[in-house]
C-alpha atoms as a PDB file:
ATOM      1  CA  MET A   1       0.000   0.000   0.000  1.00  0.00           C
ATOM      2  CA  THR A   2       1.228   3.496  -0.748  1.00  0.00           C
ATOM      3  CA  VAL A   3       0.400   7.048   0.138  1.00  0.00           C
ATOM      4  CA  GLY A   4       1.552  10.270  -1.421  1.00  0.00           C
ATOM      5  CA  PHE A   5       1.409  13.934  -0.590  1.00  0.00           C
ATOM      6  CA  GLY A   6       0.978  16.800  -2.990  1.00  0.00           C
ATOM      7  CA  GLY A   7       2.773  16.212  -6.270  1.00  0.00           C
ATOM      8  CA  GLY A   8       5.489  13.984  -4.831  1.00  0.00           C
ATOM      9  CA  PRO A   9       5.865  10.290  -5.560  1.00  0.00           C
ATOM     10  CA  PRO A  10       3.986   7.734  -3.450  1.00  0.00           C
ATOM     11  CA  THR A  11       5.846   6.491  -0.392  1.00  0.00           C
ATOM     12  CA  PRO A  12       5.427   2.939   0.942  1.00  0.00           C
ATOM     13  CA  LEU A  13       3.620   2.955   4.263  1.00  0.00           C
ATOM     14  CA  SER A  14       2.803   0.281   6.768  1.00  0.00           C
ATOM     15  CA  PRO A  15      -0.025   1.780   8.848  1.00  0.00           C
ATOM     16  CA  LYS A  16       0.804  -0.338  11.899  1.00  0.00           C
ATOM     17  CA  ARG A  17       4.345   1.034  11.943  1.00  0.00           C
ATOM     18  CA  SER A  18       3.514   4.677  11.360  1.00  0.00           C
ATOM     19  CA  PRO A  19       2.545   6.639  14.464  1.00  0.00           C
ATOM     20  CA  THR A  20       1.730   9.700  12.358  1.00  0.00           C
ATOM     21  CA  MET A  21      -0.869   8.480   9.858  1.00  0.00           C
ATOM     22  CA  SER A  22      -4.048   6.455   9.658  1.00  0.00           C
ATOM     23  CA  PHE A  23      -4.596   5.105   6.138  1.00  0.00           C
ATOM     24  CA  MET A  24      -7.826   3.902   4.513  1.00  0.00           C
ATOM     25  CA  PRO A  25      -7.108   1.969   1.284  1.00  0.00           C
ATOM     26  CA  PRO A  26      -9.528   2.297  -1.631  1.00  0.00           C
ATOM     27  CA  LEU A  27     -12.513  -0.013  -1.738  1.00  0.00           C
ATOM     28  CA  ALA A  28     -15.252   0.293  -4.316  1.00  0.00           C
ATOM     29  CA  SER A  29     -15.014   4.079  -3.913  1.00  0.00           C
ATOM     30  CA  SER A  30     -11.679   4.210  -5.755  1.00  0.00           C
ATOM     31  CA  ALA A  31     -10.532   6.971  -3.435  1.00  0.00           C
ATOM     32  CA  ASN A  32      -7.621   6.910  -1.001  1.00  0.00           C
ATOM     33  CA  TYR A  33      -7.783   8.597   2.398  1.00  0.00           C
ATOM     34  CA  TYR A  34      -5.226   9.294   5.084  1.00  0.00           C
ATOM     35  CA  VAL A  35      -5.173  11.217   8.330  1.00  0.00           C
ATOM     36  CA  THR A  36      -2.032  12.895   9.635  1.00  0.00           C
ATOM     37  CA  SER A  37      -1.064  12.984  13.300  1.00  0.00           C
ATOM     38  CA  SER A  38      -2.271  16.606  13.376  1.00  0.00           C
ATOM     39  CA  GLY A  39      -5.758  15.483  12.219  1.00  0.00           C
ATOM     40  CA  ALA A  40      -5.628  16.656   8.595  1.00  0.00           C
ATOM     41  CA  LEU A  41      -7.572  14.416   6.181  1.00  0.00           C
ATOM     42  CA  PHE A  42      -6.171  13.987   2.681  1.00  0.00           C
ATOM     43  CA  VAL A  43      -7.994  12.358  -0.253  1.00  0.00           C
ATOM     44  CA  LYS A  44      -7.131  11.445  -3.838  1.00  0.00           C
ATOM     45  CA  GLY A  45      -8.835   9.382  -6.530  1.00  0.00           C
ATOM     46  CA  LEU A  46     -12.400   9.384  -7.814  1.00  0.00           C
ATOM     47  CA  ALA A  47     -14.778  12.069  -6.574  1.00  0.00           C
ATOM     48  CA  HIS A  48     -17.914  11.534  -8.697  1.00  0.00           C
ATOM     49  CA  ARG A  49     -20.054  10.621  -5.654  1.00  0.00           C
ATOM     50  CA  GLY A  50     -18.731  13.456  -3.479  1.00  0.00           C
ATOM     51  CA  GLN A  51     -16.149  11.270  -1.679  1.00  0.00           C
ATOM     52  CA  TYR A  52     -13.867  14.252  -0.933  1.00  0.00           C
ATOM     53  CA  GLY A  53     -16.435  16.161   1.122  1.00  0.00           C
ATOM     54  CA  ASP A  54     -15.328  19.560  -0.170  1.00  0.00           C
ATOM     55  CA  GLY A  55     -17.804  19.883  -3.054  1.00  0.00           C
ATOM     56  CA  ARG A  56     -15.364  18.440  -5.596  1.00  0.00           C
ATOM     57  CA  LEU A  57     -16.812  16.019  -8.168  1.00  0.00           C
ATOM     58  CA  LYS A  58     -13.695  15.548 -10.323  1.00  0.00           C
ATOM     59  CA  ALA A  59     -10.882  13.154  -9.467  1.00  0.00           C
ATOM     60  CA  THR A  60      -7.411  14.298  -8.526  1.00  0.00           C
ATOM     61  CA  ASP A  61      -4.223  12.311  -8.913  1.00  0.00           C
ATOM     62  CA  THR A  62      -2.571  14.020  -5.950  1.00  0.00           C
ATOM     63  CA  PHE A  63      -3.698  14.110  -2.327  1.00  0.00           C
ATOM     64  CA  VAL A  64      -5.677  17.206  -1.302  1.00  0.00           C
ATOM     65  CA  GLN A  65      -6.680  18.195   2.207  1.00  0.00           C
ATOM     66  CA  THR A  66     -10.450  18.145   2.728  1.00  0.00           C
ATOM     67  CA  ALA A  67     -10.962  18.200   6.515  1.00  0.00           C
ATOM     68  CA  SER A  68      -9.178  18.864   9.806  1.00  0.00           C
ATOM     69  CA  GLY A  69      -9.573  17.692  13.388  1.00  0.00           C
ATOM     70  CA  VAL A  70      -9.994  14.106  12.141  1.00  0.00           C
ATOM     71  CA  ALA A  71      -9.241  11.071  14.316  1.00  0.00           C
ATOM     72  CA  ARG A  72     -10.345   8.259  11.939  1.00  0.00           C
ATOM     73  CA  VAL A  73     -11.664   7.721   8.418  1.00  0.00           C
ATOM     74  CA  HIS A  74     -13.658   4.772   7.032  1.00  0.00           C
ATOM     75  CA  ALA A  75     -14.908   4.482   3.454  1.00  0.00           C
ATOM     76  CA  HIS A  76     -16.858   2.103   1.235  1.00  0.00           C
ATOM     77  CA  THR A  77     -18.629   2.118  -2.144  1.00  0.00           C
ATOM     78  CA  GLY A  78     -18.353   5.809  -3.002  1.00  0.00           C
ATOM     79  CA  HIS A  79     -18.880   7.273   0.463  1.00  0.00           C
ATOM     80  CA  ALA A  80     -16.820   8.016   3.551  1.00  0.00           C
ATOM     81  CA  LEU A  81     -17.221   8.694   7.258  1.00  0.00           C
ATOM     82  CA  ILE A  82     -14.842  10.591   9.489  1.00  0.00           C
ATOM     83  CA  LEU A  83     -14.693  10.605  13.254  1.00  0.00           C
ATOM     84  CA  LEU A  84     -13.561  13.997  14.464  1.00  0.00           C
ATOM     85  CA  ARG A  85     -11.420  14.326  17.569  1.00  0.00           C
ATOM     86  CA  ASN A  86     -14.358  15.973  19.345  1.00  0.00           C
ATOM     87  CA  GLY A  87     -16.531  12.865  18.764  1.00  0.00           C
ATOM     88  CA  ASP A  88     -18.609  14.168  15.855  1.00  0.00           C
ATOM     89  CA  VAL A  89     -19.272  11.707  13.020  1.00  0.00           C
ATOM     90  CA  MET A  90     -19.355  13.300   9.573  1.00  0.00           C
ATOM     91  CA  GLY A  91     -20.288  11.734   6.238  1.00  0.00           C
ATOM     92  CA  THR A  92     -19.998  12.467   2.522  1.00  0.00           C
ATOM     93  CA  GLY A  93     -20.462  10.730  -0.820  1.00  0.00           C
ATOM     94  CA  GLY A  94     -22.996   8.325  -2.321  1.00  0.00           C
ATOM     95  CA  ASN A  95     -26.078   8.219  -0.138  1.00  0.00           C
ATOM     96  CA  ILE A  96     -28.854   6.262  -1.838  1.00  0.00           C
ATOM     97  CA  TYR A  97     -29.670   4.245   1.300  1.00  0.00           C
ATOM     98  CA  GLY A  98     -28.501   6.757   3.907  1.00  0.00           C
ATOM     99  CA  PRO A  99     -25.053   5.487   5.028  1.00  0.00           C
ATOM    100  CA  VAL A 100     -23.912   9.113   5.405  1.00  0.00           C
ATOM    101  CA  GLY A 101     -27.088  10.303   7.120  1.00  0.00           C
ATOM    102  CA  ARG A 102     -29.942  12.515   5.999  1.00  0.00           C
ATOM    103  CA  HIS A 103     -28.010  15.135   3.971  1.00  0.00           C
ATOM    104  CA  GLY A 104     -27.884  14.167   0.284  1.00  0.00           C
ATOM    105  CA  LEU A 105     -30.258  11.248   0.907  1.00  0.00           C
ATOM    106  CA  GLY A 106     -31.355   9.511  -2.298  1.00  0.00           C
ATOM    107  CA  ASP A 107     -28.314  10.592  -4.306  1.00  0.00           C
ATOM    108  CA  LYS A 108     -25.132  12.002  -2.828  1.00  0.00           C
ATOM    109  CA  ALA A 109     -23.744  14.414  -0.276  1.00  0.00           C
ATOM    110  CA  VAL A 110     -20.826  16.390  -1.702  1.00  0.00           C
ATOM    111  CA  ARG A 111     -19.835  18.130   1.538  1.00  0.00           C
ATOM    112  CA  TRP A 112     -19.124  16.711   4.977  1.00  0.00           C
ATOM    113  CA  GLY A 113     -22.301  16.717   7.049  1.00  0.00           C
ATOM    114  CA  ARG A 114     -22.662  15.921  10.763  1.00  0.00           C
ATOM    115  CA  ILE A 115     -24.496  12.668  11.484  1.00  0.00           C
ATOM    116  CA  LEU A 116     -24.127  12.372  15.260  1.00  0.00           C
ATOM    117  CA  SER A 117     -21.900  13.427  18.134  1.00  0.00           C
ATOM    118  CA  GLY A 118     -20.288  11.726  21.110  1.00  0.00           C
ATOM    119  CA  ALA A 119     -18.780   8.802  19.171  1.00  0.00           C
ATOM    120  CA  ARG A 120     -15.535   6.951  19.779  1.00  0.00           C
ATOM    121  CA  ALA A 121     -15.558   4.431  16.890  1.00  0.00           C
ATOM    122  CA  ILE A 122     -17.073   4.291  13.390  1.00  0.00           C
ATOM    123  CA  ALA A 123     -17.536   1.858  10.529  1.00  0.00           C
ATOM    124  CA  THR A 124     -19.370   1.824   7.223  1.00  0.00           C
ATOM    125  CA  GLY A 125     -20.544  -0.861   4.833  1.00  0.00           C
ATOM    126  CA  SER A 126     -21.949  -0.624   1.336  1.00  0.00           C
ATOM    127  CA  SER A 127     -25.300   0.797   2.450  1.00  0.00           C
ATOM    128  CA  HIS A 128     -25.293   1.353   6.228  1.00  0.00           C
ATOM    129  CA  SER A 129     -23.003   2.656   8.942  1.00  0.00           C
ATOM    130  CA  LEU A 130     -22.323   2.122  12.649  1.00  0.00           C
ATOM    131  CA  ALA A 131     -20.835   4.134  15.495  1.00  0.00           C
ATOM    132  CA  ILE A 132     -20.069   3.339  19.114  1.00  0.00           C
ATOM    133  CA  ARG A 133     -20.879   6.332  21.285  1.00  0.00           C
ATOM    134  CA  ARG A 134     -18.810   7.242  24.326  1.00  0.00           C
ATOM    135  CA  ASP A 135     -21.608   5.959  26.571  1.00  0.00           C
ATOM    136  CA  GLY A 136     -21.324   2.477  24.981  1.00  0.00           C
ATOM    137  CA  THR A 137     -24.400   2.708  22.743  1.00  0.00           C
ATOM    138  CA  LEU A 138     -24.078   1.139  19.292  1.00  0.00           C
ATOM    139  CA  MET A 139     -25.787   3.388  16.735  1.00  0.00           C
ATOM    140  CA  ALA A 140     -26.817   2.368  13.192  1.00  0.00           C
ATOM    141  CA  TRP A 141     -28.166   4.222  10.155  1.00  0.00           C
ATOM    142  CA  GLY A 142     -28.676   3.632   6.426  1.00  0.00           C
ATOM    143  CA  ALA A 143     -30.299   0.576   4.779  1.00  0.00           C
ATOM    144  CA  GLY A 144     -32.465  -1.271   7.262  1.00  0.00           C
ATOM    145  CA  TYR A 145     -32.446   1.609   9.777  1.00  0.00           C
ATOM    146  CA  GLY A 146     -33.268   4.857   7.973  1.00  0.00           C
ATOM    147  CA  PRO A 147     -31.095   7.949   7.526  1.00  0.00           C
ATOM    148  CA  ASP A 148     -31.167   9.001  11.183  1.00  0.00           C
ATOM    149  CA  PRO A 149     -28.991   7.079  13.682  1.00  0.00           C
ATOM    150  CA  VAL A 150     -30.879   4.655  15.950  1.00  0.00           C
ATOM    151  CA  ALA A 151     -29.611   2.837  19.037  1.00  0.00           C
ATOM    152  CA  VAL A 152     -29.334  -0.914  18.422  1.00  0.00           C
ATOM    153  CA  MET A 153     -27.366  -2.030  21.494  1.00  0.00           C
ATOM    154  CA  GLU A 154     -26.196  -0.653  24.824  1.00  0.00           C
ATOM    155  CA  ASN A 155     -23.109  -1.290  26.947  1.00  0.00           C
ATOM    156  CA  VAL A 156     -20.970  -2.176  23.947  1.00  0.00           C
ATOM    157  CA  SER A 157     -17.853  -1.104  25.860  1.00  0.00           C
ATOM    158  CA  ALA A 158     -18.405  -3.963  28.325  1.00  0.00           C
ATOM    159  CA  VAL A 159     -18.249  -6.568  25.558  1.00  0.00           C
ATOM    160  CA  ALA A 160     -15.089  -8.438  24.621  1.00  0.00           C
ATOM    161  CA  ALA A 161     -15.646  -7.660  20.956  1.00  0.00           C
ATOM    162  CA  ARG A 162     -13.967  -8.475  17.700  1.00  0.00           C
ATOM    163  CA  VAL A 163     -13.123  -4.834  17.386  1.00  0.00           C
ATOM    164  CA  ILE A 164      -9.759  -3.519  16.315  1.00  0.00           C
ATOM    165  CA  ARG A 165      -8.139  -1.652  19.176  1.00  0.00           C
ATOM    166  CA  ASP A 166      -5.331   0.841  19.130  1.00  0.00           C
ATOM    167  CA  ASP A 167      -2.070  -0.919  20.080  1.00  0.00           C
ATOM    168  CA  CYS A 168      -1.079   2.049  22.224  1.00  0.00           C
ATOM    169  CA  ALA A 169      -4.325   2.201  24.199  1.00  0.00           C
ATOM    170  CA  PRO A 170      -5.832  -1.289  24.469  1.00  0.00           C
ATOM    171  CA  THR A 171      -8.821  -0.137  26.502  1.00  0.00           C
ATOM    172  CA  ARG A 172      -9.960   2.437  23.942  1.00  0.00           C
ATOM    173  CA  TRP A 173     -12.270   1.329  21.078  1.00  0.00           C
ATOM    174  CA  GLN A 174     -10.875   2.411  17.756  1.00  0.00           C
ATOM    175  CA  SER A 175     -12.638   0.671  14.921  1.00  0.00           C
ATOM    176  CA  LEU A 176     -15.638  -1.505  14.123  1.00  0.00           C
ATOM    177  CA  ALA A 177     -16.273  -3.794  11.145  1.00  0.00           C
ATOM    178  CA  VAL A 178     -19.456  -3.582   9.091  1.00  0.00           C
ATOM    179  CA  GLY A 179     -20.636  -6.033   6.414  1.00  0.00           C
ATOM    180  CA  ALA A 180     -22.687  -5.502   3.279  1.00  0.00           C
ATOM    181  CA  ARG A 181     -26.075  -6.240   4.940  1.00  0.00           C
ATOM    182  CA  PRO A 182     -27.756  -4.308   7.745  1.00  0.00           C
ATOM    183  CA  SER A 183     -26.286  -5.232  11.131  1.00  0.00           C
ATOM    184  CA  HIS A 184     -29.377  -6.283  13.056  1.00  0.00           C
ATOM    185  CA  ALA A 185     -28.878  -6.093  16.811  1.00  0.00           C
ATOM    186  CA  SER A 186     -28.790  -9.884  17.227  1.00  0.00           C
ATOM    187  CA  LYS A 187     -26.189 -10.239  14.477  1.00  0.00           C
ATOM    188  CA  VAL A 188     -24.168  -7.386  15.958  1.00  0.00           C
ATOM    189  CA  ALA A 189     -24.368  -9.031  19.377  1.00  0.00           C
ATOM    190  CA  ALA A 190     -23.148 -12.322  17.905  1.00  0.00           C
ATOM    191  CA  ALA A 191     -20.318 -10.584  16.051  1.00  0.00           C
ATOM    192  CA  LEU A 192     -19.322  -8.799  19.247  1.00  0.00           C
ATOM    193  CA  GLY A 193     -19.138 -12.073  21.138  1.00  0.00           C
ATOM    194  CA  ARG A 194     -22.305 -11.728  23.284  1.00  0.00           C
END
C-alpha cells in the first residue's frame, strides 16, 4: 500500500508502523484517504459521488486536504465517514440508502455533514453505517435503519468484541467492522461475542 502527498511520488507505508498516519485503502469508492497525526484528512482518486467532502466532483491524482480535526476515516462504495477528535461523526459521498445520514439522501452528499456526536468508533458498509458512542451505545443508520442514527445495542464497551483496538491504548475502542447487509442487533451481538 502506498500514500503520497501533494505532487510527490507515493511512499510505501505500513499503517501499523507509522505513528503519524491512519490510512484507509480504496474499496469500491476508488478513493484513497489518510489522516495525519495533526488530524488533517487527505484524499485522492475518484470524486464523482462526493467522496472528498469539499464539493469536488472531479478526481485528482494528488492528495488534497479536505478536513481537519480528524481522528479516523472509514470508506466504502463511493462514500466516507470521518470521526472527528471531538466525537462528531461526519459523512460524505454516495447516499442512496442513507449510510452518510440525511443530507444528500437519495443521491449524494458532496460536503461533509454531521451525522451524530459523542462517538468513539465508526464503521461503514456498502449501504449502512455504525458508530459506538462514548456511553457504549451502538448506533446504526442507512439501509435497514433509515437515515437518522438509531440505538441498536447498549453497553458495547463492556463486551469483549472483535473490534480492532489501538495498540497504544488497548482499553480504547478504535474501529468496528461492518458487512454488506444491515447489522441487526442480534447479528451485531453475535459478532461482538455476546
